Each structure stands twice: as C-alpha cells, then as structure tokens.
C-alpha cells in the first residue's frame, strides 16, 4: 500500500503549525487551534510510521 502522505511531510506540517501557534499577536484561541492541528499531524506521522513498519514486516 502506497501512502500519499508521508510521515516526514506530516512532521513538517506539524512544525509549521507549531511555529504559527507561537507567532506574536495571535489570539490564545487561535494559538490553541494551531497547536492542536500540530499535534494531530504529529500523531498522524506516528501512525504512518507504525503502518510502514507493519507493512515492511509483511514482506
């Protein structure tokens, strides 16, 4: 199974959203939302890595 979204891409997205969450002048609510999105991308990256390990073990 080929993943269209790679774990490394998700980690880069997470880093980008973390940086946006720390930008000066944004509201606390927006910061929380951006931080939650970053966490979601990090979790997705972890799941994609686990899936890749599982797929490799099947070969």
N, C-alpha and C. Protein backbone atom coordinates (compact mmCIF):
# COMPACT_ATOMS: atom_id res chain seq x y z
N UNK A 1 0.85 -1.19 0.00
CA UNK A 1 0.00 0.00 0.00
C UNK A 1 0.89 1.24 0.00
N UNK A 2 0.65 2.13 -0.91
CA UNK A 2 1.44 3.36 -1.03
C UNK A 2 0.73 4.49 -0.30
N UNK A 3 1.44 5.14 0.62
CA UNK A 3 0.87 6.27 1.34
C UNK A 3 1.07 7.55 0.54
N UNK A 4 0.00 8.27 0.29
CA UNK A 4 0.11 9.54 -0.42
C UNK A 4 0.71 10.62 0.47
N UNK A 5 0.53 10.49 1.75
CA UNK A 5 1.05 11.46 2.70
C UNK A 5 2.10 10.77 3.55
N UNK A 6 3.33 11.21 3.44
CA UNK A 6 4.43 10.57 4.15
C UNK A 6 4.53 11.11 5.58
N UNK A 7 5.07 10.29 6.45
CA UNK A 7 5.25 10.69 7.84
C UNK A 7 6.09 11.96 7.94
N UNK A 8 7.13 12.03 7.11
CA UNK A 8 8.00 13.22 7.16
C UNK A 8 7.25 14.48 6.77
N UNK A 9 6.36 14.37 5.81
CA UNK A 9 5.53 15.52 5.43
C UNK A 9 4.67 15.96 6.62
N UNK A 10 4.09 14.99 7.29
CA UNK A 10 3.25 15.31 8.45
C UNK A 10 4.06 16.00 9.53
N UNK A 11 5.29 15.55 9.74
CA UNK A 11 6.15 16.19 10.75
C UNK A 11 6.48 17.63 10.35
N UNK A 12 6.70 17.86 9.06
CA UNK A 12 6.96 19.23 8.60
C UNK A 12 5.72 20.10 8.80
N UNK A 13 4.54 19.56 8.47
CA UNK A 13 3.31 20.30 8.70
C UNK A 13 3.15 20.61 10.19
N UNK A 14 3.44 19.64 11.04
CA UNK A 14 3.33 19.85 12.48
C UNK A 14 4.26 20.97 12.93
N UNK A 15 5.48 20.95 12.43
CA UNK A 15 6.44 22.01 12.78
C UNK A 15 5.95 23.38 12.32
N UNK A 16 5.39 23.42 11.11
CA UNK A 16 4.86 24.69 10.59
C UNK A 16 3.73 25.22 11.47
N UNK A 17 2.81 24.34 11.85
CA UNK A 17 1.68 24.78 12.67
C UNK A 17 2.13 25.17 14.08
N UNK A 18 3.14 24.48 14.61
CA UNK A 18 3.68 24.88 15.92
C UNK A 18 4.26 26.29 15.85
N UNK A 19 4.98 26.56 14.76
CA UNK A 19 5.57 27.89 14.59
C UNK A 19 4.48 28.95 14.46
N UNK A 20 3.43 28.65 13.70
CA UNK A 20 2.33 29.60 13.56
C UNK A 20 1.66 29.86 14.91
N UNK A 21 1.57 28.83 15.73
CA UNK A 21 0.93 28.97 17.04
C UNK A 21 1.72 29.89 17.97
N UNK A 22 3.01 30.06 17.69
CA UNK A 22 3.87 30.91 18.54
C UNK A 22 4.06 32.31 17.98
N UNK A 23 3.45 32.59 16.83
CA UNK A 23 3.62 33.93 16.25
C UNK A 23 3.04 34.99 17.17
N UNK A 24 3.72 36.11 17.27
CA UNK A 24 3.20 37.18 18.12
C UNK A 24 1.90 37.76 17.55
N UNK A 25 1.05 38.17 18.44
CA UNK A 25 -0.16 38.87 18.05
C UNK A 25 -1.37 38.01 17.74
N UNK A 26 -1.21 36.68 17.76
CA UNK A 26 -2.40 35.87 17.50
C UNK A 26 -3.13 35.62 18.82
N UNK A 27 -4.41 35.37 18.70
CA UNK A 27 -5.22 35.18 19.90
C UNK A 27 -4.88 33.84 20.56
N UNK A 28 -5.13 33.74 21.87
CA UNK A 28 -4.91 32.47 22.55
C UNK A 28 -5.74 31.34 21.94
N UNK A 29 -6.96 31.66 21.52
CA UNK A 29 -7.81 30.63 20.92
C UNK A 29 -7.18 30.10 19.63
N UNK A 30 -6.73 31.02 18.78
CA UNK A 30 -6.09 30.61 17.52
C UNK A 30 -4.82 29.82 17.80
N UNK A 31 -4.07 30.22 18.79
CA UNK A 31 -2.85 29.50 19.16
C UNK A 31 -3.17 28.07 19.58
N UNK A 32 -4.23 27.90 20.37
CA UNK A 32 -4.65 26.55 20.79
C UNK A 32 -5.07 25.71 19.59
N UNK A 33 -5.81 26.31 18.68
CA UNK A 33 -6.27 25.58 17.50
C UNK A 33 -5.07 25.13 16.66
N UNK A 34 -4.13 26.04 16.43
CA UNK A 34 -2.94 25.70 15.64
C UNK A 34 -2.10 24.63 16.34
N UNK A 35 -2.00 24.72 17.65
CA UNK A 35 -1.26 23.71 18.42
C UNK A 35 -1.94 22.35 18.31
N UNK A 36 -3.27 22.33 18.37
CA UNK A 36 -4.00 21.07 18.23
C UNK A 36 -3.82 20.47 16.84
N UNK A 37 -3.80 21.31 15.82
CA UNK A 37 -3.55 20.82 14.47
C UNK A 37 -2.15 20.22 14.39
N UNK A 38 -1.18 20.89 14.99
CA UNK A 38 0.20 20.37 15.01
C UNK A 38 0.25 19.01 15.69
N UNK A 39 -0.44 18.87 16.80
CA UNK A 39 -0.47 17.58 17.50
C UNK A 39 -1.12 16.51 16.64
N UNK A 40 -2.16 16.88 15.91
CA UNK A 40 -2.83 15.92 15.03
C UNK A 40 -1.89 15.44 13.93
N UNK A 41 -1.14 16.36 13.33
CA UNK A 41 -0.18 15.96 12.31
C UNK A 41 0.93 15.09 12.90
N UNK A 42 1.36 15.39 14.10
CA UNK A 42 2.39 14.55 14.75
C UNK A 42 1.86 13.15 15.00
N UNK A 43 0.62 13.06 15.46
CA UNK A 43 0.01 11.76 15.71
C UNK A 43 -0.14 10.98 14.40
N UNK A 44 -0.55 11.66 13.35
CA UNK A 44 -0.68 11.01 12.05
C UNK A 44 0.67 10.49 11.57
N UNK A 45 1.72 11.28 11.75
CA UNK A 45 3.07 10.84 11.37
C UNK A 45 3.45 9.56 12.10
N UNK A 46 3.16 9.52 13.38
CA UNK A 46 3.47 8.32 14.17
C UNK A 46 2.70 7.11 13.65
N UNK A 47 1.44 7.30 13.35
CA UNK A 47 0.62 6.20 12.85
C UNK A 47 1.12 5.73 11.48
N UNK A 48 1.52 6.65 10.62
CA UNK A 48 2.06 6.27 9.32
C UNK A 48 3.37 5.49 9.46
N UNK A 49 4.19 5.88 10.43
CA UNK A 49 5.44 5.15 10.68
C UNK A 49 5.15 3.73 11.17
N UNK A 50 4.18 3.60 12.06
CA UNK A 50 3.80 2.27 12.55
C UNK A 50 3.27 1.42 11.41
N UNK A 51 2.45 2.02 10.56
CA UNK A 51 1.91 1.31 9.42
C UNK A 51 3.02 0.85 8.48
N UNK A 52 3.99 1.72 8.23
CA UNK A 52 5.11 1.36 7.34
C UNK A 52 5.91 0.20 7.92
N UNK A 53 6.13 0.19 9.22
CA UNK A 53 6.86 -0.91 9.87
C UNK A 53 6.06 -2.20 9.72
N UNK A 54 4.76 -2.12 9.94
CA UNK A 54 3.90 -3.29 9.81
C UNK A 54 3.92 -3.82 8.38
N UNK A 55 3.84 -2.92 7.41
CA UNK A 55 3.88 -3.35 6.01
C UNK A 55 5.21 -3.97 5.64
N UNK A 56 6.30 -3.42 6.15
CA UNK A 56 7.63 -3.97 5.86
C UNK A 56 7.77 -5.36 6.47
N UNK A 57 7.18 -5.57 7.63
CA UNK A 57 7.27 -6.87 8.29
C UNK A 57 6.50 -7.94 7.52
N UNK A 58 5.53 -7.53 6.72
CA UNK A 58 4.72 -8.48 5.97
C UNK A 58 5.44 -8.96 4.71
N UNK A 59 6.50 -8.26 4.32
CA UNK A 59 7.20 -8.63 3.08
C UNK A 59 8.16 -9.77 3.28
